[in-house]
Amino acid sequence: MREARRIRPLTPEDCELCGRAVLPGEPVHRFEDPDRGGRRRTVCPLCHRRAAARGWVRAGARQSRGQGAPAA
């Protein structure tokens, strides 16, 4: 019989995509989720591309050309 996995609540330094604990000294990426009103998300270095693919925007990043209001 398989052992039940122990589930623990996420801490502020856990990746919100894969759930792994970020190691001490390991950089984290902060993203904003536009689908959740700009809610801040913590993402590990392994998942930053997945976050961008979901449409999450790096916190503090400016919009790139082609995004935002159309030119007049």
PDB file of N, CA and C in Angstrom:
ATOM      1  N   MET A   1       0.840  -1.178   0.000  1.00  0.00           N
ATOM      2  CA  MET A   1       0.000   0.000   0.000  1.00  0.00           C
ATOM      3  C   MET A   1       0.889   1.247   0.000  1.00  0.00           C
ATOM      4  N   ARG A   2       0.486   2.240  -0.760  1.00  0.00           N
ATOM      5  CA  ARG A   2       1.284   3.467  -0.852  1.00  0.00           C
ATOM      6  C   ARG A   2       1.131   4.305   0.396  1.00  0.00           C
ATOM      7  N   GLU A   3       2.234   4.955   0.743  1.00  0.00           N
ATOM      8  CA  GLU A   3       2.221   5.874   1.879  1.00  0.00           C
ATOM      9  C   GLU A   3       1.510   7.155   1.489  1.00  0.00           C
ATOM     10  N   ALA A   4       0.740   7.688   2.392  1.00  0.00           N
ATOM     11  CA  ALA A   4       0.075   8.970   2.131  1.00  0.00           C
ATOM     12  C   ALA A   4       1.116  10.079   2.134  1.00  0.00           C
ATOM     13  N   ARG A   5       0.989  10.984   1.184  1.00  0.00           N
ATOM     14  CA  ARG A   5       1.908  12.124   1.133  1.00  0.00           C
ATOM     15  C   ARG A   5       1.529  13.111   2.215  1.00  0.00           C
ATOM     16  N   ARG A   6       2.524  13.623   2.850  1.00  0.00           N
ATOM     17  CA  ARG A   6       2.295  14.630   3.881  1.00  0.00           C
ATOM     18  C   ARG A   6       2.124  15.986   3.204  1.00  0.00           C
ATOM     19  N   ILE A   7       1.030  16.604   3.473  1.00  0.00           N
ATOM     20  CA  ILE A   7       0.736  17.901   2.868  1.00  0.00           C
ATOM     21  C   ILE A   7       0.975  18.980   3.906  1.00  0.00           C
ATOM     22  N   ARG A   8       1.719  20.004   3.504  1.00  0.00           N
ATOM     23  CA  ARG A   8       1.984  21.115   4.404  1.00  0.00           C
ATOM     24  C   ARG A   8       1.561  22.390   3.702  1.00  0.00           C
ATOM     25  N   PRO A   9       1.184  23.396   4.450  1.00  0.00           N
ATOM     26  CA  PRO A   9       0.793  24.660   3.822  1.00  0.00           C
ATOM     27  C   PRO A   9       2.006  25.339   3.186  1.00  0.00           C
ATOM     28  N   LEU A  10       1.751  26.081   2.115  1.00  0.00           N
ATOM     29  CA  LEU A  10       2.824  26.830   1.467  1.00  0.00           C
ATOM     30  C   LEU A  10       3.296  27.957   2.374  1.00  0.00           C
ATOM     31  N   THR A  11       4.603  28.179   2.382  1.00  0.00           N
ATOM     32  CA  THR A  11       5.167  29.317   3.101  1.00  0.00           C
ATOM     33  C   THR A  11       5.397  30.424   2.071  1.00  0.00           C
ATOM     34  N   PRO A  12       5.715  31.632   2.504  1.00  0.00           N
ATOM     35  CA  PRO A  12       5.947  32.712   1.528  1.00  0.00           C
ATOM     36  C   PRO A  12       7.088  32.423   0.560  1.00  0.00           C
ATOM     37  N   GLU A  13       7.973  31.502   0.888  1.00  0.00           N
ATOM     38  CA  GLU A  13       9.097  31.211  -0.005  1.00  0.00           C
ATOM     39  C   GLU A  13       8.961  29.863  -0.704  1.00  0.00           C
ATOM     40  N   ASP A  14       7.749  29.364  -0.848  1.00  0.00           N
ATOM     41  CA  ASP A  14       7.497  28.168  -1.638  1.00  0.00           C
ATOM     42  C   ASP A  14       7.013  28.596  -3.015  1.00  0.00           C
ATOM     43  N   CYS A  15       7.369  27.818  -4.018  1.00  0.00           N
ATOM     44  CA  CYS A  15       6.928  28.099  -5.382  1.00  0.00           C
ATOM     45  C   CYS A  15       5.429  27.845  -5.473  1.00  0.00           C
ATOM     46  N   GLU A  16       4.708  28.804  -6.027  1.00  0.00           N
ATOM     47  CA  GLU A  16       3.257  28.664  -6.149  1.00  0.00           C
ATOM     48  C   GLU A  16       2.843  27.861  -7.370  1.00  0.00           C
ATOM     49  N   LEU A  17       3.807  27.395  -8.160  1.00  0.00           N
ATOM     50  CA  LEU A  17       3.478  26.529  -9.280  1.00  0.00           C
ATOM     51  C   LEU A  17       3.782  25.057  -8.973  1.00  0.00           C
ATOM     52  N   CYS A  18       4.977  24.777  -8.508  1.00  0.00           N
ATOM     53  CA  CYS A  18       5.347  23.381  -8.255  1.00  0.00           C
ATOM     54  C   CYS A  18       5.255  22.999  -6.782  1.00  0.00           C
ATOM     55  N   GLY A  19       5.208  24.002  -5.890  1.00  0.00           N
ATOM     56  CA  GLY A  19       5.055  23.753  -4.469  1.00  0.00           C
ATOM     57  C   GLY A  19       6.336  23.431  -3.725  1.00  0.00           C
ATOM     58  N   ARG A  20       7.462  23.421  -4.428  1.00  0.00           N
ATOM     59  CA  ARG A  20       8.700  23.070  -3.730  1.00  0.00           C
ATOM     60  C   ARG A  20       9.195  24.226  -2.888  1.00  0.00           C
ATOM     61  N   ALA A  21       9.861  23.876  -1.786  1.00  0.00           N
ATOM     62  CA  ALA A  21      10.440  24.890  -0.907  1.00  0.00           C
ATOM     63  C   ALA A  21      11.682  25.471  -1.569  1.00  0.00           C
ATOM     64  N   VAL A  22      11.757  26.777  -1.605  1.00  0.00           N
ATOM     65  CA  VAL A  22      12.919  27.454  -2.172  1.00  0.00           C
ATOM     66  C   VAL A  22      14.050  27.343  -1.156  1.00  0.00           C
ATOM     67  N   LEU A  23      15.210  26.961  -1.625  1.00  0.00           N
ATOM     68  CA  LEU A  23      16.356  26.762  -0.749  1.00  0.00           C
ATOM     69  C   LEU A  23      16.904  28.090  -0.243  1.00  0.00           C
ATOM     70  N   PRO A  24      17.506  28.103   0.945  1.00  0.00           N
ATOM     71  CA  PRO A  24      18.096  29.342   1.461  1.00  0.00           C
ATOM     72  C   PRO A  24      19.141  29.886   0.487  1.00  0.00           C
ATOM     73  N   GLY A  25      19.028  31.150   0.171  1.00  0.00           N
ATOM     74  CA  GLY A  25      19.959  31.801  -0.752  1.00  0.00           C
ATOM     75  C   GLY A  25      19.579  31.656  -2.213  1.00  0.00           C
ATOM     76  N   GLU A  26      18.613  30.812  -2.527  1.00  0.00           N
ATOM     77  CA  GLU A  26      18.173  30.621  -3.909  1.00  0.00           C
ATOM     78  C   GLU A  26      17.274  31.794  -4.305  1.00  0.00           C
ATOM     79  N   PRO A  27      17.495  32.371  -5.469  1.00  0.00           N
ATOM     80  CA  PRO A  27      16.664  33.511  -5.862  1.00  0.00           C
ATOM     81  C   PRO A  27      15.245  33.059  -6.197  1.00  0.00           C
ATOM     82  N   VAL A  28      14.283  33.912  -5.910  1.00  0.00           N
ATOM     83  CA  VAL A  28      12.902  33.651  -6.299  1.00  0.00           C
ATOM     84  C   VAL A  28      12.489  34.730  -7.288  1.00  0.00           C
ATOM     85  N   HIS A  29      11.501  34.417  -8.060  1.00  0.00           N
ATOM     86  CA  HIS A  29      10.955  35.377  -9.016  1.00  0.00           C
ATOM     87  C   HIS A  29       9.580  35.784  -8.506  1.00  0.00           C
ATOM     88  N   ARG A  30       9.301  37.072  -8.547  1.00  0.00           N
ATOM     89  CA  ARG A  30       7.998  37.582  -8.122  1.00  0.00           C
ATOM     90  C   ARG A  30       7.200  37.938  -9.375  1.00  0.00           C
ATOM     91  N   PHE A  31       6.010  37.416  -9.432  1.00  0.00           N
ATOM     92  CA  PHE A  31       5.117  37.676 -10.549  1.00  0.00           C
ATOM     93  C   PHE A  31       3.805  38.240 -10.031  1.00  0.00           C
ATOM     94  N   GLU A  32       3.077  38.908 -10.916  1.00  0.00           N
ATOM     95  CA  GLU A  32       1.729  39.371 -10.622  1.00  0.00           C
ATOM     96  C   GLU A  32       0.776  38.616 -11.534  1.00  0.00           C
ATOM     97  N   ASP A  33      -0.314  38.142 -10.973  1.00  0.00           N
ATOM     98  CA  ASP A  33      -1.303  37.368 -11.717  1.00  0.00           C
ATOM     99  C   ASP A  33      -2.444  38.296 -12.122  1.00  0.00           C
ATOM    100  N   PRO A  34      -2.506  38.713 -13.396  1.00  0.00           N
ATOM    101  CA  PRO A  34      -3.554  39.649 -13.814  1.00  0.00           C
ATOM    102  C   PRO A  34      -4.958  39.064 -13.704  1.00  0.00           C
ATOM    103  N   ASP A  35      -5.087  37.749 -13.746  1.00  0.00           N
ATOM    104  CA  ASP A  35      -6.401  37.118 -13.611  1.00  0.00           C
ATOM    105  C   ASP A  35      -6.912  37.162 -12.182  1.00  0.00           C
ATOM    106  N   ARG A  36      -6.049  37.469 -11.235  1.00  0.00           N
ATOM    107  CA  ARG A  36      -6.419  37.546  -9.823  1.00  0.00           C
ATOM    108  C   ARG A  36      -6.203  38.957  -9.280  1.00  0.00           C
ATOM    109  N   GLY A  37      -6.416  39.956 -10.113  1.00  0.00           N
ATOM    110  CA  GLY A  37      -6.307  41.337  -9.666  1.00  0.00           C
ATOM    111  C   GLY A  37      -4.896  41.782  -9.354  1.00  0.00           C
ATOM    112  N   GLY A  38      -3.898  41.171 -10.004  1.00  0.00           N
ATOM    113  CA  GLY A  38      -2.509  41.546  -9.773  1.00  0.00           C
ATOM    114  C   GLY A  38      -1.905  40.905  -8.542  1.00  0.00           C
ATOM    115  N   ARG A  39      -2.522  39.840  -8.051  1.00  0.00           N
ATOM    116  CA  ARG A  39      -2.006  39.159  -6.851  1.00  0.00           C
ATOM    117  C   ARG A  39      -0.563  38.745  -7.066  1.00  0.00           C
ATOM    118  N   ARG A  40       0.281  39.011  -6.084  1.00  0.00           N
ATOM    119  CA  ARG A  40       1.704  38.655  -6.160  1.00  0.00           C
ATOM    120  C   ARG A  40       1.880  37.154  -5.986  1.00  0.00           C
ATOM    121  N   ARG A  41       2.752  36.578  -6.780  1.00  0.00           N
ATOM    122  CA  ARG A  41       3.048  35.155  -6.739  1.00  0.00           C
ATOM    123  C   ARG A  41       4.550  34.956  -6.616  1.00  0.00           C
ATOM    124  N   THR A  42       4.953  33.969  -5.829  1.00  0.00           N
ATOM    125  CA  THR A  42       6.358  33.601  -5.686  1.00  0.00           C
ATOM    126  C   THR A  42       6.607  32.375  -6.543  1.00  0.00           C
ATOM    127  N   VAL A  43       7.654  32.434  -7.363  1.00  0.00           N
ATOM    128  CA  VAL A  43       7.960  31.349  -8.287  1.00  0.00           C
ATOM    129  C   VAL A  43       9.441  31.001  -8.180  1.00  0.00           C
ATOM    130  N   CYS A  44       9.750  29.709  -8.172  1.00  0.00           N
ATOM    131  CA  CYS A  44      11.144  29.264  -8.095  1.00  0.00           C
ATOM    132  C   CYS A  44      11.836  29.465  -9.444  1.00  0.00           C
ATOM    133  N   PRO A  45      13.167  29.398  -9.469  1.00  0.00           N
ATOM    134  CA  PRO A  45      13.890  29.599 -10.724  1.00  0.00           C
ATOM    135  C   PRO A  45      13.563  28.554 -11.788  1.00  0.00           C
ATOM    136  N   LEU A  46      13.088  27.399 -11.376  1.00  0.00           N
ATOM    137  CA  LEU A  46      12.761  26.340 -12.336  1.00  0.00           C
ATOM    138  C   LEU A  46      11.432  26.569 -13.037  1.00  0.00           C
ATOM    139  N   CYS A  47      10.563  27.377 -12.463  1.00  0.00           N
ATOM    140  CA  CYS A  47       9.202  27.545 -12.985  1.00  0.00           C
ATOM    141  C   CYS A  47       8.918  28.919 -13.591  1.00  0.00           C
ATOM    142  N   HIS A  48       9.912  29.787 -13.694  1.00  0.00           N
ATOM    143  CA  HIS A  48       9.619  31.146 -14.161  1.00  0.00           C
ATOM    144  C   HIS A  48       9.080  31.163 -15.581  1.00  0.00           C
ATOM    145  N   ARG A  49       9.486  30.231 -16.429  1.00  0.00           N
ATOM    146  CA  ARG A  49       8.946  30.178 -17.796  1.00  0.00           C
ATOM    147  C   ARG A  49       7.487  29.719 -17.790  1.00  0.00           C
ATOM    148  N   ARG A  50       7.153  28.797 -16.898  1.00  0.00           N
ATOM    149  CA  ARG A  50       5.760  28.345 -16.775  1.00  0.00           C
ATOM    150  C   ARG A  50       4.866  29.487 -16.309  1.00  0.00           C
ATOM    151  N   ALA A  51       5.381  30.314 -15.404  1.00  0.00           N
ATOM    152  CA  ALA A  51       4.605  31.457 -14.915  1.00  0.00           C
ATOM    153  C   ALA A  51       4.330  32.430 -16.059  1.00  0.00           C
ATOM    154  N   ALA A  52       5.334  32.711 -16.852  1.00  0.00           N
ATOM    155  CA  ALA A  52       5.166  33.621 -17.990  1.00  0.00           C
ATOM    156  C   ALA A  52       4.187  33.028 -19.007  1.00  0.00           C
ATOM    157  N   ALA A  53       4.234  31.714 -19.211  1.00  0.00           N
ATOM    158  CA  ALA A  53       3.323  31.055 -20.144  1.00  0.00           C
ATOM    159  C   ALA A  53       1.871  31.137 -19.658  1.00  0.00           C
ATOM    160  N   ARG A  54       1.668  31.234 -18.366  1.00  0.00           N
ATOM    161  CA  ARG A  54       0.321  31.382 -17.800  1.00  0.00           C
ATOM    162  C   ARG A  54      -0.188  32.815 -17.919  1.00  0.00           C
ATOM    163  N   GLY A  55       0.665  33.718 -18.352  1.00  0.00           N
ATOM    164  CA  GLY A  55       0.262  35.110 -18.483  1.00  0.00           C
ATOM    165  C   GLY A  55       0.609  35.950 -17.274  1.00  0.00           C
ATOM    166  N   TRP A  56       1.330  35.362 -16.311  1.00  0.00           N
ATOM    167  CA  TRP A  56       1.754  36.130 -15.153  1.00  0.00           C
ATOM    168  C   TRP A  56       2.839  37.097 -15.597  1.00  0.00           C
ATOM    169  N   VAL A  57       2.858  38.272 -15.011  1.00  0.00           N
ATOM    170  CA  VAL A  57       3.803  39.327 -15.388  1.00  0.00           C
ATOM    171  C   VAL A  57       4.790  39.511 -14.252  1.00  0.00           C
ATOM    172  N   ARG A  58       6.070  39.619 -14.602  1.00  0.00           N
ATOM    173  CA  ARG A  58       7.083  39.856 -13.563  1.00  0.00           C
ATOM    174  C   ARG A  58       6.752  41.120 -12.801  1.00  0.00           C
ATOM    175  N   ALA A  59       6.812  41.018 -11.493  1.00  0.00           N
ATOM    176  CA  ALA A  59       6.522  42.177 -10.648  1.00  0.00           C
ATOM    177  C   ALA A  59       7.518  43.285 -10.952  1.00  0.00           C
ATOM    178  N   GLY A  60       7.013  44.471 -11.181  1.00  0.00           N
ATOM    179  CA  GLY A  60       7.865  45.617 -11.463  1.00  0.00           C
ATOM    180  C   GLY A  60       8.300  45.723 -12.907  1.00  0.00           C
ATOM    181  N   ALA A  61       7.928  44.759 -13.732  1.00  0.00           N
ATOM    182  CA  ALA A  61       8.324  44.804 -15.147  1.00  0.00           C
ATOM    183  C   ALA A  61       7.403  45.757 -15.908  1.00  0.00           C
ATOM    184  N   ARG A  62       7.982  46.457 -16.826  1.00  0.00           N
ATOM    185  CA  ARG A  62       7.182  47.351 -17.676  1.00  0.00           C
ATOM    186  C   ARG A  62       6.608  46.532 -18.812  1.00  0.00           C
ATOM    187  N   GLN A  63       5.489  46.998 -19.349  1.00  0.00           N
ATOM    188  CA  GLN A  63       4.896  46.318 -20.490  1.00  0.00           C
ATOM    189  C   GLN A  63       5.823  46.463 -21.689  1.00  0.00           C
ATOM    190  N   SER A  64       5.949  45.380 -22.462  1.00  0.00           N
ATOM    191  CA  SER A  64       6.790  45.439 -23.646  1.00  0.00           C
ATOM    192  C   SER A  64       6.024  46.065 -24.794  1.00  0.00           C
ATOM    193  N   ARG A  65       6.736  46.396 -25.842  1.00  0.00           N
ATOM    194  CA  ARG A  65       6.082  46.984 -27.019  1.00  0.00           C
ATOM    195  C   ARG A  65       5.054  46.006 -27.555  1.00  0.00           C
ATOM    196  N   GLY A  66       3.971  46.546 -28.047  1.00  0.00           N
ATOM    197  CA  GLY A  66       2.905  45.703 -28.571  1.00  0.00           C
ATOM    198  C   GLY A  66       1.847  45.393 -27.533  1.00  0.00           C
ATOM    199  N   GLN A  67       2.084  45.742 -26.281  1.00  0.00           N
ATOM    200  CA  GLN A  67       1.105  45.536 -25.234  1.00  0.00           C
ATOM    201  C   GLN A  67       0.580  46.895 -24.787  1.00  0.00           C
ATOM    202  N   GLY A  68      -0.547  46.884 -24.159  1.00  0.00           N
ATOM    203  CA  GLY A  68      -1.101  48.126 -23.639  1.00  0.00           C
ATOM    204  C   GLY A  68      -1.988  48.808 -24.645  1.00  0.00           C
ATOM    205  N   ALA A  69      -2.146  50.092 -24.497  1.00  0.00           N
ATOM    206  CA  ALA A  69      -3.044  50.866 -25.359  1.00  0.00           C
ATOM    207  C   ALA A  69      -2.485  50.959 -26.761  1.00  0.00           C
ATOM    208  N   PRO A  70      -3.359  50.881 -27.759  1.00  0.00           N
ATOM    209  CA  PRO A  70      -2.881  51.016 -29.150  1.00  0.00           C
ATOM    210  C   PRO A  70      -2.416  52.447 -29.442  1.00  0.00           C
ATOM    211  N   ALA A  71      -1.475  52.546 -30.349  1.00  0.00           N
ATOM    212  CA  ALA A  71      -0.944  53.861 -30.727  1.00  0.00           C
ATOM    213  C   ALA A  71      -1.986  54.607 -31.533  1.00  0.00           C
ATOM    214  N   ALA A  72      -2.017  55.931 -31.414  1.00  0.00           N
ATOM    215  CA  ALA A  72      -3.015  56.759 -32.129  1.00  0.00           C
ATOM    216  C   ALA A  72      -2.594  57.019 -33.536  1.00  0.00           C
TER     217      ALA A  72
END
